[in-house]
Amino acid sequence: MQINKNELYKISRLNKNYPRYNEILKLHKEAIENGQDIYFDPETGFAVLTAEFLLKRGYCCGSGCRHCPYEVKS
């Protein structure tokens, strides 16, 4: 699967009304630009995998990752 960087930055399963949505997408983009596989959620402090990392992994694990570039597993 090939996705350009601009599209990778925008991959998110969050609703656009989610609190701090824009901040989260900014952190996601910065992590990808800096070659980091994760960033930390500003609300919870939990580590979040980037879409780029998940794409390189090559498959969906079915865990509902926030930035999963694959179709939702059922």
PDB file of N, CA and C in Angstrom:
ATOM      1  N   MET A   1       0.854  -1.171   0.000  1.00  0.00           N
ATOM      2  CA  MET A   1       0.000   0.000   0.000  1.00  0.00           C
ATOM      3  C   MET A   1       0.904   1.239   0.000  1.00  0.00           C
ATOM      4  N   GLN A   2       0.642   2.151  -0.901  1.00  0.00           N
ATOM      5  CA  GLN A   2       1.437   3.382  -1.025  1.00  0.00           C
ATOM      6  C   GLN A   2       0.546   4.581  -0.693  1.00  0.00           C
ATOM      7  N   ILE A   3       0.972   5.402   0.242  1.00  0.00           N
ATOM      8  CA  ILE A   3       0.238   6.608   0.620  1.00  0.00           C
ATOM      9  C   ILE A   3       1.250   7.742   0.693  1.00  0.00           C
ATOM     10  N   ASN A   4       0.922   8.893   0.094  1.00  0.00           N
ATOM     11  CA  ASN A   4       1.867  10.009   0.175  1.00  0.00           C
ATOM     12  C   ASN A   4       1.845  10.629   1.569  1.00  0.00           C
ATOM     13  N   LYS A   5       2.922  11.331   1.909  1.00  0.00           N
ATOM     14  CA  LYS A   5       3.088  11.898   3.262  1.00  0.00           C
ATOM     15  C   LYS A   5       1.923  12.794   3.663  1.00  0.00           C
ATOM     16  N   ASN A   6       1.455  13.649   2.749  1.00  0.00           N
ATOM     17  CA  ASN A   6       0.354  14.556   3.105  1.00  0.00           C
ATOM     18  C   ASN A   6      -0.900  13.797   3.518  1.00  0.00           C
ATOM     19  N   GLU A   7      -1.136  12.655   2.902  1.00  0.00           N
ATOM     20  CA  GLU A   7      -2.284  11.836   3.280  1.00  0.00           C
ATOM     21  C   GLU A   7      -2.021  11.100   4.594  1.00  0.00           C
ATOM     22  N   LEU A   8      -0.786  10.649   4.803  1.00  0.00           N
ATOM     23  CA  LEU A   8      -0.425   9.969   6.051  1.00  0.00           C
ATOM     24  C   LEU A   8      -0.702  10.855   7.260  1.00  0.00           C
ATOM     25  N   TYR A   9      -0.360  12.128   7.128  1.00  0.00           N
ATOM     26  CA  TYR A   9      -0.536  13.068   8.239  1.00  0.00           C
ATOM     27  C   TYR A   9      -1.988  13.145   8.692  1.00  0.00           C
ATOM     28  N   LYS A  10      -2.913  12.975   7.769  1.00  0.00           N
ATOM     29  CA  LYS A  10      -4.342  13.191   8.041  1.00  0.00           C
ATOM     30  C   LYS A  10      -5.081  11.941   8.512  1.00  0.00           C
ATOM     31  N   ILE A  11      -4.434  10.780   8.461  1.00  0.00           N
ATOM     32  CA  ILE A  11      -5.124   9.544   8.825  1.00  0.00           C
ATOM     33  C   ILE A  11      -5.440   9.557  10.321  1.00  0.00           C
ATOM     34  N   SER A  12      -6.734   9.478  10.619  1.00  0.00           N
ATOM     35  CA  SER A  12      -7.166   9.461  12.008  1.00  0.00           C
ATOM     36  C   SER A  12      -8.568   8.884  12.086  1.00  0.00           C
ATOM     37  N   ARG A  13      -8.807   8.065  13.075  1.00  0.00           N
ATOM     38  CA  ARG A  13     -10.145   7.513  13.298  1.00  0.00           C
ATOM     39  C   ARG A  13     -10.933   8.385  14.267  1.00  0.00           C
ATOM     40  N   LEU A  14     -10.337   9.494  14.669  1.00  0.00           N
ATOM     41  CA  LEU A  14     -11.025  10.404  15.579  1.00  0.00           C
ATOM     42  C   LEU A  14     -12.038  11.252  14.829  1.00  0.00           C
ATOM     43  N   ASN A  15     -13.143  11.539  15.475  1.00  0.00           N
ATOM     44  CA  ASN A  15     -14.127  12.473  14.950  1.00  0.00           C
ATOM     45  C   ASN A  15     -13.528  13.869  15.003  1.00  0.00           C
ATOM     46  N   LYS A  16     -13.804  14.697  14.010  1.00  0.00           N
ATOM     47  CA  LYS A  16     -13.244  16.052  13.974  1.00  0.00           C
ATOM     48  C   LYS A  16     -13.690  16.914  15.159  1.00  0.00           C
ATOM     49  N   ASN A  17     -14.731  16.493  15.860  1.00  0.00           N
ATOM     50  CA  ASN A  17     -15.193  17.213  17.053  1.00  0.00           C
ATOM     51  C   ASN A  17     -14.522  16.717  18.330  1.00  0.00           C
ATOM     52  N   TYR A  18     -13.651  15.742  18.205  1.00  0.00           N
ATOM     53  CA  TYR A  18     -12.938  15.193  19.355  1.00  0.00           C
ATOM     54  C   TYR A  18     -12.124  16.308  20.017  1.00  0.00           C
ATOM     55  N   PRO A  19     -12.137  16.380  21.349  1.00  0.00           N
ATOM     56  CA  PRO A  19     -11.350  17.424  22.025  1.00  0.00           C
ATOM     57  C   PRO A  19      -9.879  17.375  21.617  1.00  0.00           C
ATOM     58  N   ARG A  20      -9.323  18.525  21.304  1.00  0.00           N
ATOM     59  CA  ARG A  20      -7.910  18.686  20.944  1.00  0.00           C
ATOM     60  C   ARG A  20      -7.554  17.989  19.626  1.00  0.00           C
ATOM     61  N   TYR A  21      -8.549  17.767  18.774  1.00  0.00           N
ATOM     62  CA  TYR A  21      -8.351  17.090  17.491  1.00  0.00           C
ATOM     63  C   TYR A  21      -7.209  17.711  16.687  1.00  0.00           C
ATOM     64  N   ASN A  22      -7.223  19.024  16.517  1.00  0.00           N
ATOM     65  CA  ASN A  22      -6.180  19.695  15.723  1.00  0.00           C
ATOM     66  C   ASN A  22      -4.803  19.542  16.355  1.00  0.00           C
ATOM     67  N   GLU A  23      -4.736  19.617  17.662  1.00  0.00           N
ATOM     68  CA  GLU A  23      -3.464  19.432  18.364  1.00  0.00           C
ATOM     69  C   GLU A  23      -2.935  18.010  18.160  1.00  0.00           C
ATOM     70  N   ILE A  24      -3.824  17.043  18.209  1.00  0.00           N
ATOM     71  CA  ILE A  24      -3.444  15.645  18.024  1.00  0.00           C
ATOM     72  C   ILE A  24      -2.896  15.425  16.618  1.00  0.00           C
ATOM     73  N   LEU A  25      -3.583  15.965  15.603  1.00  0.00           N
ATOM     74  CA  LEU A  25      -3.090  15.807  14.232  1.00  0.00           C
ATOM     75  C   LEU A  25      -1.754  16.512  14.046  1.00  0.00           C
ATOM     76  N   LYS A  26      -1.549  17.628  14.727  1.00  0.00           N
ATOM     77  CA  LYS A  26      -0.270  18.341  14.660  1.00  0.00           C
ATOM     78  C   LYS A  26       0.846  17.485  15.275  1.00  0.00           C
ATOM     79  N   LEU A  27       0.584  16.881  16.423  1.00  0.00           N
ATOM     80  CA  LEU A  27       1.568  16.012  17.071  1.00  0.00           C
ATOM     81  C   LEU A  27       1.885  14.799  16.194  1.00  0.00           C
ATOM     82  N   HIS A  28       0.856  14.248  15.555  1.00  0.00           N
ATOM     83  CA  HIS A  28       1.024  13.107  14.655  1.00  0.00           C
ATOM     84  C   HIS A  28       1.925  13.495  13.483  1.00  0.00           C
ATOM     85  N   LYS A  29       1.648  14.625  12.866  1.00  0.00           N
ATOM     86  CA  LYS A  29       2.443  15.106  11.733  1.00  0.00           C
ATOM     87  C   LYS A  29       3.897  15.347  12.149  1.00  0.00           C
ATOM     88  N   GLU A  30       4.088  15.992  13.286  1.00  0.00           N
ATOM     89  CA  GLU A  30       5.451  16.270  13.773  1.00  0.00           C
ATOM     90  C   GLU A  30       6.223  14.977  14.038  1.00  0.00           C
ATOM     91  N   ALA A  31       5.548  13.982  14.589  1.00  0.00           N
ATOM     92  CA  ALA A  31       6.213  12.699  14.855  1.00  0.00           C
ATOM     93  C   ALA A  31       6.674  12.064  13.543  1.00  0.00           C
ATOM     94  N   ILE A  32       5.818  12.068  12.524  1.00  0.00           N
ATOM     95  CA  ILE A  32       6.191  11.499  11.228  1.00  0.00           C
ATOM     96  C   ILE A  32       7.358  12.277  10.635  1.00  0.00           C
ATOM     97  N   GLU A  33       7.270  13.597  10.666  1.00  0.00           N
ATOM     98  CA  GLU A  33       8.335  14.434  10.097  1.00  0.00           C
ATOM     99  C   GLU A  33       9.677  14.219  10.800  1.00  0.00           C
ATOM    100  N   ASN A  34       9.631  13.877  12.090  1.00  0.00           N
ATOM    101  CA  ASN A  34      10.850  13.670  12.871  1.00  0.00           C
ATOM    102  C   ASN A  34      11.301  12.207  12.904  1.00  0.00           C
ATOM    103  N   GLY A  35      10.629  11.363  12.108  1.00  0.00           N
ATOM    104  CA  GLY A  35      11.013   9.957  12.039  1.00  0.00           C
ATOM    105  C   GLY A  35      10.691   9.159  13.294  1.00  0.00           C
ATOM    106  N   GLN A  36       9.724   9.627  14.069  1.00  0.00           N
ATOM    107  CA  GLN A  36       9.336   8.934  15.298  1.00  0.00           C
ATOM    108  C   GLN A  36       8.152   8.009  15.021  1.00  0.00           C
ATOM    109  N   ASP A  37       8.145   6.861  15.650  1.00  0.00           N
ATOM    110  CA  ASP A  37       7.064   5.900  15.471  1.00  0.00           C
ATOM    111  C   ASP A  37       5.860   6.202  16.353  1.00  0.00           C
ATOM    112  N   ILE A  38       6.059   6.998  17.395  1.00  0.00           N
ATOM    113  CA  ILE A  38       4.982   7.322  18.337  1.00  0.00           C
ATOM    114  C   ILE A  38       4.998   8.811  18.676  1.00  0.00           C
ATOM    115  N   TYR A  39       3.877   9.242  19.228  1.00  0.00           N
ATOM    116  CA  TYR A  39       3.799  10.541  19.898  1.00  0.00           C
ATOM    117  C   TYR A  39       2.955  10.302  21.139  1.00  0.00           C
ATOM    118  N   PHE A  40       2.913  11.258  22.030  1.00  0.00           N
ATOM    119  CA  PHE A  40       2.152  11.086  23.265  1.00  0.00           C
ATOM    120  C   PHE A  40       0.878  11.911  23.227  1.00  0.00           C
ATOM    121  N   ASP A  41      -0.245  11.247  23.513  1.00  0.00           N
ATOM    122  CA  ASP A  41      -1.540  11.911  23.526  1.00  0.00           C
ATOM    123  C   ASP A  41      -1.519  13.027  24.568  1.00  0.00           C
ATOM    124  N   PRO A  42      -1.930  14.244  24.177  1.00  0.00           N
ATOM    125  CA  PRO A  42      -1.850  15.371  25.105  1.00  0.00           C
ATOM    126  C   PRO A  42      -2.820  15.274  26.284  1.00  0.00           C
ATOM    127  N   GLU A  43      -3.853  14.477  26.155  1.00  0.00           N
ATOM    128  CA  GLU A  43      -4.855  14.348  27.214  1.00  0.00           C
ATOM    129  C   GLU A  43      -4.490  13.245  28.211  1.00  0.00           C
ATOM    130  N   THR A  44      -4.076  12.088  27.681  1.00  0.00           N
ATOM    131  CA  THR A  44      -3.858  10.913  28.534  1.00  0.00           C
ATOM    132  C   THR A  44      -2.392  10.624  28.821  1.00  0.00           C
ATOM    133  N   GLY A  45      -1.506  11.105  27.927  1.00  0.00           N
ATOM    134  CA  GLY A  45      -0.091  10.781  28.055  1.00  0.00           C
ATOM    135  C   GLY A  45       0.264   9.430  27.475  1.00  0.00           C
ATOM    136  N   PHE A  46      -0.723   8.702  26.936  1.00  0.00           N
ATOM    137  CA  PHE A  46      -0.471   7.392  26.339  1.00  0.00           C
ATOM    138  C   PHE A  46       0.306   7.549  25.035  1.00  0.00           C
ATOM    139  N   ALA A  47       1.147   6.569  24.729  1.00  0.00           N
ATOM    140  CA  ALA A  47       1.864   6.536  23.459  1.00  0.00           C
ATOM    141  C   ALA A  47       0.892   6.136  22.353  1.00  0.00           C
ATOM    142  N   VAL A  48       0.973   6.826  21.219  1.00  0.00           N
ATOM    143  CA  VAL A  48       0.107   6.562  20.070  1.00  0.00           C
ATOM    144  C   VAL A  48       0.995   6.266  18.862  1.00  0.00           C
ATOM    145  N   LEU A  49       0.744   5.158  18.183  1.00  0.00           N
ATOM    146  CA  LEU A  49       1.514   4.793  16.993  1.00  0.00           C
ATOM    147  C   LEU A  49       1.125   5.674  15.814  1.00  0.00           C
ATOM    148  N   THR A  50       2.109   6.062  15.008  1.00  0.00           N
ATOM    149  CA  THR A  50       1.820   6.884  13.833  1.00  0.00           C
ATOM    150  C   THR A  50       1.340   6.000  12.677  1.00  0.00           C
ATOM    151  N   ALA A  51       0.653   6.638  11.732  1.00  0.00           N
ATOM    152  CA  ALA A  51       0.193   5.934  10.534  1.00  0.00           C
ATOM    153  C   ALA A  51       1.378   5.390   9.742  1.00  0.00           C
ATOM    154  N   GLU A  52       2.479   6.123   9.721  1.00  0.00           N
ATOM    155  CA  GLU A  52       3.656   5.667   8.986  1.00  0.00           C
ATOM    156  C   GLU A  52       4.199   4.369   9.580  1.00  0.00           C
ATOM    157  N   PHE A  53       4.293   4.303  10.896  1.00  0.00           N
ATOM    158  CA  PHE A  53       4.751   3.075  11.551  1.00  0.00           C
ATOM    159  C   PHE A  53       3.807   1.923  11.231  1.00  0.00           C
ATOM    160  N   LEU A  54       2.506   2.174  11.360  1.00  0.00           N
ATOM    161  CA  LEU A  54       1.520   1.120  11.113  1.00  0.00           C
ATOM    162  C   LEU A  54       1.551   0.655   9.660  1.00  0.00           C
ATOM    163  N   LEU A  55       1.780   1.563   8.740  1.00  0.00           N
ATOM    164  CA  LEU A  55       1.880   1.213   7.328  1.00  0.00           C
ATOM    165  C   LEU A  55       3.100   0.330   7.080  1.00  0.00           C
ATOM    166  N   LYS A  56       4.224   0.692   7.709  1.00  0.00           N
ATOM    167  CA  LYS A  56       5.445  -0.108   7.554  1.00  0.00           C
ATOM    168  C   LYS A  56       5.278  -1.507   8.158  1.00  0.00           C
ATOM    169  N   ARG A  57       4.459  -1.606   9.213  1.00  0.00           N
ATOM    170  CA  ARG A  57       4.226  -2.913   9.836  1.00  0.00           C
ATOM    171  C   ARG A  57       3.569  -3.861   8.831  1.00  0.00           C
ATOM    172  N   GLY A  58       2.698  -3.327   7.981  1.00  0.00           N
ATOM    173  CA  GLY A  58       2.175  -4.110   6.871  1.00  0.00           C
ATOM    174  C   GLY A  58       0.812  -4.756   7.028  1.00  0.00           C
ATOM    175  N   TYR A  59       0.172  -4.609   8.166  1.00  0.00           N
ATOM    176  CA  TYR A  59      -1.137  -5.228   8.348  1.00  0.00           C
ATOM    177  C   TYR A  59      -1.884  -4.547   9.499  1.00  0.00           C
ATOM    178  N   CYS A  60      -3.182  -4.756   9.537  1.00  0.00           N
ATOM    179  CA  CYS A  60      -4.008  -4.252  10.639  1.00  0.00           C
ATOM    180  C   CYS A  60      -4.080  -5.339  11.706  1.00  0.00           C
ATOM    181  N   CYS A  61      -3.820  -4.955  12.947  1.00  0.00           N
ATOM    182  CA  CYS A  61      -3.855  -5.927  14.048  1.00  0.00           C
ATOM    183  C   CYS A  61      -5.260  -6.062  14.648  1.00  0.00           C
ATOM    184  N   GLY A  62      -6.168  -5.147  14.269  1.00  0.00           N
ATOM    185  CA  GLY A  62      -7.537  -5.216  14.772  1.00  0.00           C
ATOM    186  C   GLY A  62      -7.741  -4.559  16.121  1.00  0.00           C
ATOM    187  N   SER A  63      -6.744  -3.802  16.593  1.00  0.00           N
ATOM    188  CA  SER A  63      -6.852  -3.160  17.905  1.00  0.00           C
ATOM    189  C   SER A  63      -7.528  -1.783  17.863  1.00  0.00           C
ATOM    190  N   GLY A  64      -7.860  -1.306  16.675  1.00  0.00           N
ATOM    191  CA  GLY A  64      -8.517  -0.005  16.560  1.00  0.00           C
ATOM    192  C   GLY A  64      -7.558   1.163  16.722  1.00  0.00           C
ATOM    193  N   CYS A  65      -6.332   1.004  16.264  1.00  0.00           N
ATOM    194  CA  CYS A  65      -5.326   2.063  16.389  1.00  0.00           C
ATOM    195  C   CYS A  65      -5.836   3.374  15.782  1.00  0.00           C
ATOM    196  N   ARG A  66      -5.544   4.450  16.451  1.00  0.00           N
ATOM    197  CA  ARG A  66      -6.026   5.783  16.088  1.00  0.00           C
ATOM    198  C   ARG A  66      -5.683   6.188  14.656  1.00  0.00           C
ATOM    199  N   HIS A  67      -4.502   5.842  14.190  1.00  0.00           N
ATOM    200  CA  HIS A  67      -4.044   6.281  12.872  1.00  0.00           C
ATOM    201  C   HIS A  67      -3.842   5.116  11.901  1.00  0.00           C
ATOM    202  N   CYS A  68      -4.574   4.022  12.079  1.00  0.00           N
ATOM    203  CA  CYS A  68      -4.417   2.843  11.231  1.00  0.00           C
ATOM    204  C   CYS A  68      -4.766   3.183   9.782  1.00  0.00           C
ATOM    205  N   PRO A  69      -3.843   2.897   8.846  1.00  0.00           N
ATOM    206  CA  PRO A  69      -4.110   3.191   7.434  1.00  0.00           C
ATOM    207  C   PRO A  69      -4.873   2.088   6.711  1.00  0.00           C
ATOM    208  N   TYR A  70      -5.243   1.042   7.427  1.00  0.00           N
ATOM    209  CA  TYR A  70      -5.929  -0.104   6.810  1.00  0.00           C
ATOM    210  C   TYR A  70      -7.426  -0.059   7.094  1.00  0.00           C
ATOM    211  N   GLU A  71      -8.182  -0.823   6.327  1.00  0.00           N
ATOM    212  CA  GLU A  71      -9.618  -0.942   6.557  1.00  0.00           C
ATOM    213  C   GLU A  71      -9.833  -1.576   7.934  1.00  0.00           C
ATOM    214  N   VAL A  72     -10.928  -1.222   8.568  1.00  0.00           N
ATOM    215  CA  VAL A  72     -11.258  -1.757   9.884  1.00  0.00           C
ATOM    216  C   VAL A  72     -11.482  -3.258   9.775  1.00  0.00           C
ATOM    217  N   LYS A  73     -10.825  -4.028  10.649  1.00  0.00           N
ATOM    218  CA  LYS A  73     -11.033  -5.484  10.696  1.00  0.00           C
ATOM    219  C   LYS A  73     -12.333  -5.765  11.410  1.00  0.00           C
ATOM    220  N   SER A  74     -13.066  -6.757  10.907  1.00  0.00           N
ATOM    221  CA  SER A  74     -14.310  -7.118  11.591  1.00  0.00           C
ATOM    222  C   SER A  74     -14.209  -8.448  12.270  1.00  0.00           C
TER     223      SER A  74
END
